[in-house]
Amino acid sequence: MVIGHSGFRDEELARPKAILEEAGYQVSVASSSLKEAKGMLGARVKPQILLGDVKVADYEAVIFVGGIGAQEFWHDPVAHHLAQEAVSQGKILGATCIAPVILANAGVLRGKKATVWASEEAKLRKKGGQYTGKMVEVDGLIVTATGPRAAEAFEKEILRLLRR
């Protein structure tokens, strides 16, 4: 799970991470720094791996967590490469809240159904994404969601794909 170093959405990390771990999956948290990251609501998390050190082949899924901190990766070539690699390697790729903008800017939502926090709809459409406005959208192995209220449903879809 990839978080912005400052301003990730606490529940978009905590709830999905807990659901995955309860199902027996090991979750690594990646960010742009290994120093303690701070969530929008005050959560503090120490990432285990730098974004640039993530090898997609080592994981079954790559998930970008939302919150204002996700803007850190909107135009980040390393984040874009991770998204592109996840798609090219047939891995599950997820993003919630405003993080689907990362996927759109990476070019992986072109022609795909996707959703995002409503304020960012135009950014998805501009990059060829087919915005649906649903709370959670699944297109193949790409899962997108609108925000905190969708966190649990988002992760349940990720879990469903992992179990396929």
N, C-alpha and C. Protein backbone atom coordinates (compact mmCIF):
# COMPACT_ATOMS: atom_id res chain seq x y z
N MET A 1 0.85 -1.17 0.00
CA MET A 1 0.00 0.00 0.00
C MET A 1 0.90 1.23 0.00
N VAL A 2 0.60 2.15 -0.89
CA VAL A 2 1.41 3.36 -1.06
C VAL A 2 0.69 4.53 -0.42
N ILE A 3 1.40 5.24 0.47
CA ILE A 3 0.81 6.41 1.12
C ILE A 3 1.65 7.65 0.86
N GLY A 4 0.97 8.79 0.78
CA GLY A 4 1.68 10.06 0.75
C GLY A 4 2.36 10.24 2.10
N HIS A 5 3.52 10.86 2.11
CA HIS A 5 4.27 10.97 3.36
C HIS A 5 3.57 11.87 4.36
N SER A 6 2.78 12.80 3.87
CA SER A 6 2.02 13.67 4.75
C SER A 6 0.62 13.82 4.17
N GLY A 7 -0.39 13.52 4.96
CA GLY A 7 -1.75 13.74 4.53
C GLY A 7 -2.44 12.57 3.85
N PHE A 8 -1.98 11.33 4.12
CA PHE A 8 -2.74 10.19 3.62
C PHE A 8 -4.03 10.11 4.43
N ARG A 9 -5.04 9.47 3.88
CA ARG A 9 -6.32 9.35 4.58
C ARG A 9 -6.25 8.14 5.51
N ASP A 10 -6.28 8.39 6.80
CA ASP A 10 -6.07 7.37 7.83
C ASP A 10 -6.88 6.10 7.61
N GLU A 11 -8.20 6.28 7.46
CA GLU A 11 -9.06 5.10 7.36
C GLU A 11 -8.93 4.38 6.03
N GLU A 12 -8.42 5.07 5.02
CA GLU A 12 -8.21 4.42 3.72
C GLU A 12 -6.96 3.54 3.75
N LEU A 13 -6.12 3.72 4.74
CA LEU A 13 -5.00 2.81 4.98
C LEU A 13 -5.40 1.77 6.02
N ALA A 14 -5.91 2.23 7.17
CA ALA A 14 -6.13 1.35 8.32
C ALA A 14 -7.15 0.25 8.05
N ARG A 15 -8.32 0.60 7.55
CA ARG A 15 -9.38 -0.41 7.36
C ARG A 15 -8.98 -1.45 6.31
N PRO A 16 -8.59 -1.01 5.12
CA PRO A 16 -8.20 -2.01 4.12
C PRO A 16 -7.01 -2.87 4.55
N LYS A 17 -6.03 -2.26 5.20
CA LYS A 17 -4.86 -3.00 5.67
C LYS A 17 -5.30 -4.07 6.66
N ALA A 18 -6.18 -3.71 7.58
CA ALA A 18 -6.66 -4.67 8.58
C ALA A 18 -7.42 -5.81 7.91
N ILE A 19 -8.27 -5.49 6.94
CA ILE A 19 -9.04 -6.53 6.24
C ILE A 19 -8.09 -7.52 5.55
N LEU A 20 -7.07 -6.99 4.90
CA LEU A 20 -6.10 -7.86 4.21
C LEU A 20 -5.32 -8.72 5.20
N GLU A 21 -4.87 -8.11 6.28
CA GLU A 21 -4.10 -8.87 7.27
C GLU A 21 -4.95 -9.93 7.96
N GLU A 22 -6.21 -9.61 8.25
CA GLU A 22 -7.11 -10.59 8.86
C GLU A 22 -7.33 -11.78 7.92
N ALA A 23 -7.22 -11.52 6.61
CA ALA A 23 -7.39 -12.59 5.62
C ALA A 23 -6.09 -13.36 5.38
N GLY A 24 -5.03 -12.97 6.10
CA GLY A 24 -3.77 -13.71 6.01
C GLY A 24 -2.74 -13.13 5.06
N TYR A 25 -3.00 -11.95 4.51
CA TYR A 25 -2.05 -11.34 3.59
C TYR A 25 -1.09 -10.44 4.36
N GLN A 26 0.15 -10.42 3.90
CA GLN A 26 1.15 -9.53 4.48
C GLN A 26 1.09 -8.22 3.70
N VAL A 27 1.03 -7.10 4.41
CA VAL A 27 0.91 -5.79 3.78
C VAL A 27 2.15 -4.97 4.09
N SER A 28 2.79 -4.45 3.06
CA SER A 28 3.91 -3.52 3.22
C SER A 28 3.40 -2.12 2.91
N VAL A 29 3.87 -1.15 3.67
CA VAL A 29 3.51 0.24 3.43
C VAL A 29 4.71 0.94 2.82
N ALA A 30 4.49 1.54 1.65
CA ALA A 30 5.55 2.24 0.93
C ALA A 30 5.24 3.74 0.89
N SER A 31 6.30 4.54 0.87
CA SER A 31 6.14 5.99 0.75
C SER A 31 7.43 6.58 0.19
N SER A 32 7.45 7.90 0.12
CA SER A 32 8.64 8.59 -0.42
C SER A 32 9.73 8.76 0.62
N SER A 33 9.44 8.41 1.86
CA SER A 33 10.41 8.50 2.95
C SER A 33 10.14 7.37 3.93
N LEU A 34 11.20 6.93 4.61
CA LEU A 34 11.03 5.90 5.64
C LEU A 34 10.78 6.52 7.01
N LYS A 35 10.79 7.85 7.07
CA LYS A 35 10.46 8.53 8.33
C LYS A 35 8.96 8.40 8.56
N GLU A 36 8.56 8.55 9.80
CA GLU A 36 7.15 8.41 10.16
C GLU A 36 6.27 9.32 9.29
N ALA A 37 5.23 8.72 8.72
CA ALA A 37 4.28 9.47 7.89
C ALA A 37 3.08 9.83 8.74
N LYS A 38 2.45 10.96 8.39
CA LYS A 38 1.32 11.43 9.18
C LYS A 38 0.06 11.50 8.33
N GLY A 39 -1.01 10.90 8.87
CA GLY A 39 -2.30 10.92 8.19
C GLY A 39 -3.05 12.22 8.43
N MET A 40 -4.07 12.44 7.63
CA MET A 40 -4.89 13.64 7.74
C MET A 40 -5.60 13.75 9.09
N LEU A 41 -5.90 12.62 9.70
CA LEU A 41 -6.62 12.62 10.97
C LEU A 41 -5.70 12.34 12.16
N GLY A 42 -4.39 12.33 11.90
CA GLY A 42 -3.42 12.18 12.98
C GLY A 42 -2.72 10.83 13.11
N ALA A 43 -3.12 9.86 12.31
CA ALA A 43 -2.43 8.55 12.38
C ALA A 43 -0.96 8.73 12.03
N ARG A 44 -0.14 7.92 12.67
CA ARG A 44 1.29 7.95 12.39
C ARG A 44 1.71 6.54 11.99
N VAL A 45 2.39 6.43 10.85
CA VAL A 45 2.77 5.13 10.31
C VAL A 45 4.21 5.21 9.84
N LYS A 46 4.99 4.18 10.17
CA LYS A 46 6.36 4.12 9.68
C LYS A 46 6.39 3.22 8.45
N PRO A 47 6.60 3.80 7.26
CA PRO A 47 6.67 2.97 6.05
C PRO A 47 7.82 1.96 6.15
N GLN A 48 7.62 0.80 5.52
CA GLN A 48 8.65 -0.23 5.54
C GLN A 48 9.56 -0.18 4.33
N ILE A 49 9.10 0.47 3.26
CA ILE A 49 9.87 0.45 2.02
C ILE A 49 9.69 1.78 1.27
N LEU A 50 10.77 2.21 0.64
CA LEU A 50 10.69 3.41 -0.19
C LEU A 50 9.98 3.08 -1.50
N LEU A 51 9.20 4.01 -1.98
CA LEU A 51 8.47 3.81 -3.23
C LEU A 51 9.40 3.35 -4.35
N GLY A 52 10.55 3.96 -4.44
CA GLY A 52 11.50 3.62 -5.49
C GLY A 52 12.13 2.24 -5.37
N ASP A 53 11.98 1.62 -4.20
CA ASP A 53 12.55 0.28 -3.98
C ASP A 53 11.52 -0.84 -4.17
N VAL A 54 10.27 -0.47 -4.42
CA VAL A 54 9.22 -1.48 -4.59
C VAL A 54 9.43 -2.21 -5.90
N LYS A 55 9.45 -3.53 -5.82
CA LYS A 55 9.51 -4.39 -7.01
C LYS A 55 8.14 -5.04 -7.14
N VAL A 56 7.41 -4.61 -8.16
CA VAL A 56 6.04 -5.06 -8.35
C VAL A 56 5.94 -6.58 -8.38
N ALA A 57 6.92 -7.24 -8.93
CA ALA A 57 6.90 -8.70 -9.03
C ALA A 57 6.82 -9.38 -7.66
N ASP A 58 7.22 -8.67 -6.60
CA ASP A 58 7.20 -9.23 -5.25
C ASP A 58 5.82 -9.18 -4.59
N TYR A 59 4.85 -8.54 -5.24
CA TYR A 59 3.55 -8.31 -4.64
C TYR A 59 2.42 -8.82 -5.53
N GLU A 60 1.30 -9.11 -4.90
CA GLU A 60 0.11 -9.52 -5.64
C GLU A 60 -0.75 -8.33 -6.02
N ALA A 61 -0.57 -7.22 -5.30
CA ALA A 61 -1.37 -6.02 -5.55
C ALA A 61 -0.57 -4.79 -5.19
N VAL A 62 -0.87 -3.69 -5.88
CA VAL A 62 -0.33 -2.38 -5.56
C VAL A 62 -1.53 -1.48 -5.34
N ILE A 63 -1.59 -0.85 -4.16
CA ILE A 63 -2.74 -0.04 -3.79
C ILE A 63 -2.28 1.35 -3.38
N PHE A 64 -2.81 2.37 -4.05
CA PHE A 64 -2.51 3.75 -3.72
C PHE A 64 -3.61 4.28 -2.81
N VAL A 65 -3.23 4.73 -1.62
CA VAL A 65 -4.14 5.26 -0.62
C VAL A 65 -4.39 6.73 -0.91
N GLY A 66 -5.62 7.17 -0.68
CA GLY A 66 -5.99 8.56 -0.95
C GLY A 66 -5.67 9.51 0.18
N GLY A 67 -6.37 10.62 0.18
CA GLY A 67 -6.10 11.74 1.07
C GLY A 67 -5.30 12.77 0.31
N ILE A 68 -5.20 13.97 0.85
CA ILE A 68 -4.49 15.04 0.12
C ILE A 68 -3.04 14.69 -0.17
N GLY A 69 -2.47 13.80 0.64
CA GLY A 69 -1.09 13.38 0.43
C GLY A 69 -0.87 12.64 -0.88
N ALA A 70 -1.94 12.07 -1.45
CA ALA A 70 -1.80 11.35 -2.72
C ALA A 70 -1.36 12.27 -3.85
N GLN A 71 -1.60 13.58 -3.71
CA GLN A 71 -1.16 14.53 -4.73
C GLN A 71 0.35 14.48 -4.95
N GLU A 72 1.07 14.04 -3.93
CA GLU A 72 2.53 13.89 -4.02
C GLU A 72 2.92 13.01 -5.21
N PHE A 73 2.04 12.08 -5.57
CA PHE A 73 2.35 11.11 -6.62
C PHE A 73 1.62 11.36 -7.94
N TRP A 74 0.79 12.39 -8.01
CA TRP A 74 0.03 12.65 -9.24
C TRP A 74 0.93 12.73 -10.47
N HIS A 75 2.08 13.37 -10.30
CA HIS A 75 2.99 13.57 -11.44
C HIS A 75 4.35 12.92 -11.20
N ASP A 76 4.37 11.91 -10.35
CA ASP A 76 5.61 11.24 -9.97
C ASP A 76 5.90 10.07 -10.90
N PRO A 77 7.01 10.12 -11.66
CA PRO A 77 7.31 9.04 -12.60
C PRO A 77 7.51 7.67 -11.93
N VAL A 78 7.99 7.65 -10.70
CA VAL A 78 8.18 6.38 -10.00
C VAL A 78 6.81 5.75 -9.69
N ALA A 79 5.88 6.56 -9.20
CA ALA A 79 4.53 6.06 -8.93
C ALA A 79 3.86 5.61 -10.22
N HIS A 80 4.04 6.38 -11.29
CA HIS A 80 3.45 6.01 -12.58
C HIS A 80 4.02 4.67 -13.06
N HIS A 81 5.33 4.51 -12.90
CA HIS A 81 5.97 3.26 -13.31
C HIS A 81 5.40 2.07 -12.52
N LEU A 82 5.18 2.25 -11.22
CA LEU A 82 4.60 1.17 -10.40
C LEU A 82 3.23 0.78 -10.94
N ALA A 83 2.41 1.77 -11.24
CA ALA A 83 1.07 1.49 -11.78
C ALA A 83 1.16 0.77 -13.12
N GLN A 84 2.03 1.23 -13.97
CA GLN A 84 2.20 0.62 -15.30
C GLN A 84 2.72 -0.81 -15.18
N GLU A 85 3.67 -1.03 -14.28
CA GLU A 85 4.21 -2.37 -14.06
C GLU A 85 3.15 -3.31 -13.50
N ALA A 86 2.33 -2.82 -12.58
CA ALA A 86 1.27 -3.65 -12.02
C ALA A 86 0.36 -4.14 -13.14
N VAL A 87 -0.01 -3.25 -14.05
CA VAL A 87 -0.88 -3.63 -15.16
C VAL A 87 -0.16 -4.60 -16.10
N SER A 88 1.08 -4.28 -16.46
CA SER A 88 1.79 -5.13 -17.42
C SER A 88 2.11 -6.51 -16.85
N GLN A 89 2.23 -6.62 -15.53
CA GLN A 89 2.51 -7.91 -14.90
C GLN A 89 1.24 -8.65 -14.45
N GLY A 90 0.08 -8.09 -14.77
CA GLY A 90 -1.17 -8.75 -14.41
C GLY A 90 -1.45 -8.75 -12.92
N LYS A 91 -0.99 -7.72 -12.23
CA LYS A 91 -1.23 -7.59 -10.79
C LYS A 91 -2.49 -6.78 -10.55
N ILE A 92 -3.04 -6.88 -9.37
CA ILE A 92 -4.18 -6.06 -8.98
C ILE A 92 -3.65 -4.66 -8.70
N LEU A 93 -4.38 -3.67 -9.21
CA LEU A 93 -4.00 -2.27 -9.02
C LEU A 93 -5.19 -1.54 -8.44
N GLY A 94 -4.99 -0.89 -7.30
CA GLY A 94 -6.08 -0.17 -6.66
C GLY A 94 -5.69 1.26 -6.32
N ALA A 95 -6.71 2.11 -6.25
CA ALA A 95 -6.52 3.50 -5.84
C ALA A 95 -7.85 4.04 -5.33
N THR A 96 -7.79 4.81 -4.28
CA THR A 96 -9.01 5.33 -3.67
C THR A 96 -8.90 6.84 -3.42
N CYS A 97 -10.06 7.49 -3.31
CA CYS A 97 -10.17 8.91 -3.04
C CYS A 97 -9.64 9.71 -4.23
N ILE A 98 -8.58 10.48 -4.05
CA ILE A 98 -8.00 11.23 -5.18
C ILE A 98 -6.84 10.48 -5.83
N ALA A 99 -6.46 9.34 -5.27
CA ALA A 99 -5.33 8.56 -5.81
C ALA A 99 -5.59 8.00 -7.21
N PRO A 100 -6.83 7.78 -7.67
CA PRO A 100 -7.00 7.33 -9.05
C PRO A 100 -6.43 8.31 -10.08
N VAL A 101 -6.21 9.55 -9.68
CA VAL A 101 -5.55 10.51 -10.58
C VAL A 101 -4.14 10.03 -10.93
N ILE A 102 -3.49 9.37 -9.98
CA ILE A 102 -2.16 8.80 -10.24
C ILE A 102 -2.26 7.79 -11.38
N LEU A 103 -3.25 6.93 -11.30
CA LEU A 103 -3.44 5.91 -12.34
C LEU A 103 -3.77 6.55 -13.68
N ALA A 104 -4.62 7.56 -13.65
CA ALA A 104 -4.98 8.25 -14.90
C ALA A 104 -3.75 8.89 -15.53
N ASN A 105 -2.95 9.57 -14.72
CA ASN A 105 -1.74 10.23 -15.23
C ASN A 105 -0.69 9.23 -15.70
N ALA A 106 -0.75 8.02 -15.16
CA ALA A 106 0.17 6.95 -15.59
C ALA A 106 -0.29 6.33 -16.90
N GLY A 107 -1.50 6.66 -17.31
CA GLY A 107 -2.02 6.15 -18.57
C GLY A 107 -2.71 4.80 -18.48
N VAL A 108 -2.91 4.29 -17.28
CA VAL A 108 -3.47 2.94 -17.16
C VAL A 108 -5.00 2.91 -17.08
N LEU A 109 -5.64 4.08 -17.03
CA LEU A 109 -7.10 4.11 -16.99
C LEU A 109 -7.72 4.42 -18.35
N ARG A 110 -6.88 4.62 -19.35
CA ARG A 110 -7.40 4.93 -20.68
C ARG A 110 -8.33 3.81 -21.15
N GLY A 111 -9.60 4.17 -21.40
CA GLY A 111 -10.58 3.20 -21.86
C GLY A 111 -11.14 2.31 -20.76
N LYS A 112 -10.79 2.58 -19.52
CA LYS A 112 -11.25 1.76 -18.39
C LYS A 112 -12.32 2.49 -17.58
N LYS A 113 -13.26 1.73 -17.04
CA LYS A 113 -14.23 2.30 -16.10
C LYS A 113 -13.50 2.56 -14.79
N ALA A 114 -13.75 3.75 -14.22
CA ALA A 114 -13.08 4.10 -12.97
C ALA A 114 -13.91 5.14 -12.23
N THR A 115 -13.60 5.29 -10.96
CA THR A 115 -14.22 6.32 -10.16
C THR A 115 -13.14 7.02 -9.35
N VAL A 116 -13.50 8.15 -8.75
CA VAL A 116 -12.56 8.99 -8.03
C VAL A 116 -13.39 9.94 -7.17
N TRP A 117 -12.76 10.58 -6.20
CA TRP A 117 -13.42 11.64 -5.44
C TRP A 117 -13.98 12.63 -6.46
N ALA A 118 -15.22 13.02 -6.32
CA ALA A 118 -15.95 13.76 -7.36
C ALA A 118 -15.22 15.01 -7.88
N SER A 119 -14.46 15.68 -7.03
CA SER A 119 -13.77 16.90 -7.46
C SER A 119 -12.72 16.64 -8.52
N GLU A 120 -12.30 15.38 -8.69
CA GLU A 120 -11.23 15.04 -9.62
C GLU A 120 -11.74 14.32 -10.87
N GLU A 121 -13.04 14.28 -11.07
CA GLU A 121 -13.62 13.61 -12.22
C GLU A 121 -13.00 14.06 -13.54
N ALA A 122 -12.83 15.36 -13.72
CA ALA A 122 -12.30 15.89 -14.99
C ALA A 122 -10.90 15.37 -15.28
N LYS A 123 -10.09 15.18 -14.24
CA LYS A 123 -8.73 14.68 -14.43
C LYS A 123 -8.73 13.26 -14.99
N LEU A 124 -9.69 12.45 -14.53
CA LEU A 124 -9.81 11.07 -15.04
C LEU A 124 -10.25 11.10 -16.50
N ARG A 125 -11.28 11.88 -16.76
CA ARG A 125 -11.82 11.95 -18.13
C ARG A 125 -10.77 12.48 -19.12
N LYS A 126 -10.00 13.47 -18.69
CA LYS A 126 -8.98 14.09 -19.56
C LYS A 126 -7.95 13.06 -20.02
N LYS A 127 -7.67 12.08 -19.15
CA LYS A 127 -6.68 11.05 -19.47
C LYS A 127 -7.30 9.78 -20.03
N GLY A 128 -8.59 9.87 -20.41
CA GLY A 128 -9.23 8.74 -21.09
C GLY A 128 -9.96 7.76 -20.22
N GLY A 129 -10.05 8.04 -18.92
CA GLY A 129 -10.80 7.16 -18.04
C GLY A 129 -12.30 7.35 -18.23
N GLN A 130 -13.04 6.29 -18.07
CA GLN A 130 -14.51 6.35 -18.17
C GLN A 130 -15.07 6.47 -16.76
N TYR A 131 -15.26 7.71 -16.33
CA TYR A 131 -15.74 7.99 -14.97
C TYR A 131 -17.17 7.48 -14.80
N THR A 132 -17.40 6.66 -13.74
CA THR A 132 -18.74 6.12 -13.50
C THR A 132 -19.45 6.76 -12.32
N GLY A 133 -18.70 7.34 -11.40
CA GLY A 133 -19.30 7.95 -10.22
C GLY A 133 -19.73 6.96 -9.15
N LYS A 134 -19.52 5.67 -9.37
CA LYS A 134 -19.86 4.67 -8.36
C LYS A 134 -18.91 4.81 -7.16
N MET A 135 -19.34 4.30 -6.01
CA MET A 135 -18.46 4.35 -4.83
C MET A 135 -17.22 3.49 -5.05
N VAL A 136 -17.41 2.32 -5.67
CA VAL A 136 -16.29 1.43 -6.01
C VAL A 136 -16.52 0.96 -7.44
N GLU A 137 -15.46 0.97 -8.22
CA GLU A 137 -15.53 0.51 -9.61
C GLU A 137 -14.42 -0.51 -9.84
N VAL A 138 -14.78 -1.60 -10.51
CA VAL A 138 -13.81 -2.63 -10.87
C VAL A 138 -13.83 -2.80 -12.37
N ASP A 139 -12.66 -2.69 -12.99
CA ASP A 139 -12.52 -2.95 -14.42
C ASP A 139 -11.32 -3.87 -14.59
N GLY A 140 -11.59 -5.14 -14.81
CA GLY A 140 -10.50 -6.11 -14.87
C GLY A 140 -9.84 -6.23 -13.51
N LEU A 141 -8.53 -5.96 -13.45
CA LEU A 141 -7.78 -6.03 -12.19
C LEU A 141 -7.54 -4.66 -11.58
N ILE A 142 -8.24 -3.63 -12.11
CA ILE A 142 -8.09 -2.28 -11.57
C ILE A 142 -9.33 -1.95 -10.73
N VAL A 143 -9.08 -1.56 -9.48
CA VAL A 143 -10.16 -1.20 -8.56
C VAL A 143 -9.95 0.23 -8.11
N THR A 144 -10.99 1.06 -8.29
CA THR A 144 -10.92 2.44 -7.84
C THR A 144 -12.11 2.71 -6.92
N ALA A 145 -11.95 3.69 -6.03
CA ALA A 145 -13.02 4.03 -5.09
C ALA A 145 -13.00 5.53 -4.81
N THR A 146 -14.13 6.01 -4.27
CA THR A 146 -14.33 7.45 -4.10
C THR A 146 -13.76 8.05 -2.84
N GLY A 147 -13.58 7.30 -1.80
CA GLY A 147 -13.06 7.93 -0.58
C GLY A 147 -13.29 7.11 0.67
N PRO A 148 -13.20 7.77 1.84
CA PRO A 148 -13.26 7.08 3.12
C PRO A 148 -14.48 6.18 3.30
N ARG A 149 -15.65 6.64 2.89
CA ARG A 149 -16.85 5.82 3.07
C ARG A 149 -16.81 4.54 2.24
N ALA A 150 -16.00 4.53 1.21
CA ALA A 150 -15.89 3.36 0.33
C ALA A 150 -14.73 2.44 0.72
N ALA A 151 -13.99 2.79 1.75
CA ALA A 151 -12.75 2.07 2.08
C ALA A 151 -12.97 0.58 2.29
N GLU A 152 -13.98 0.22 3.06
CA GLU A 152 -14.20 -1.20 3.34
C GLU A 152 -14.66 -1.95 2.09
N ALA A 153 -15.58 -1.36 1.34
CA ALA A 153 -16.05 -2.00 0.10
C ALA A 153 -14.91 -2.11 -0.91
N PHE A 154 -14.06 -1.10 -0.95
CA PHE A 154 -12.90 -1.10 -1.84
C PHE A 154 -11.99 -2.29 -1.53
N GLU A 155 -11.68 -2.46 -0.27
CA GLU A 155 -10.76 -3.53 0.10
C GLU A 155 -11.39 -4.89 -0.06
N LYS A 156 -12.69 -4.99 0.11
CA LYS A 156 -13.37 -6.27 -0.12
C LYS A 156 -13.26 -6.67 -1.59
N GLU A 157 -13.30 -5.70 -2.49
CA GLU A 157 -13.12 -6.00 -3.91
C GLU A 157 -11.68 -6.43 -4.19
N ILE A 158 -10.73 -5.77 -3.56
CA ILE A 158 -9.32 -6.17 -3.69
C ILE A 158 -9.17 -7.61 -3.20
N LEU A 159 -9.75 -7.90 -2.05
CA LEU A 159 -9.66 -9.24 -1.47
C LEU A 159 -10.31 -10.28 -2.40
N ARG A 160 -11.45 -9.94 -2.97
CA ARG A 160 -12.13 -10.84 -3.89
C ARG A 160 -11.22 -11.17 -5.08
N LEU A 161 -10.54 -10.17 -5.62
CA LEU A 161 -9.63 -10.39 -6.75
C LEU A 161 -8.41 -11.21 -6.33
N LEU A 162 -7.91 -10.98 -5.12
CA LEU A 162 -6.77 -11.76 -4.65
C LEU A 162 -7.11 -13.24 -4.52
N ARG A 163 -8.34 -13.52 -4.19
CA ARG A 163 -8.77 -14.91 -3.98
C ARG A 163 -9.19 -15.62 -5.27
N ARG A 164 -9.17 -14.94 -6.38
CA ARG A 164 -9.64 -15.53 -7.66
C ARG A 164 -8.82 -16.72 -8.07
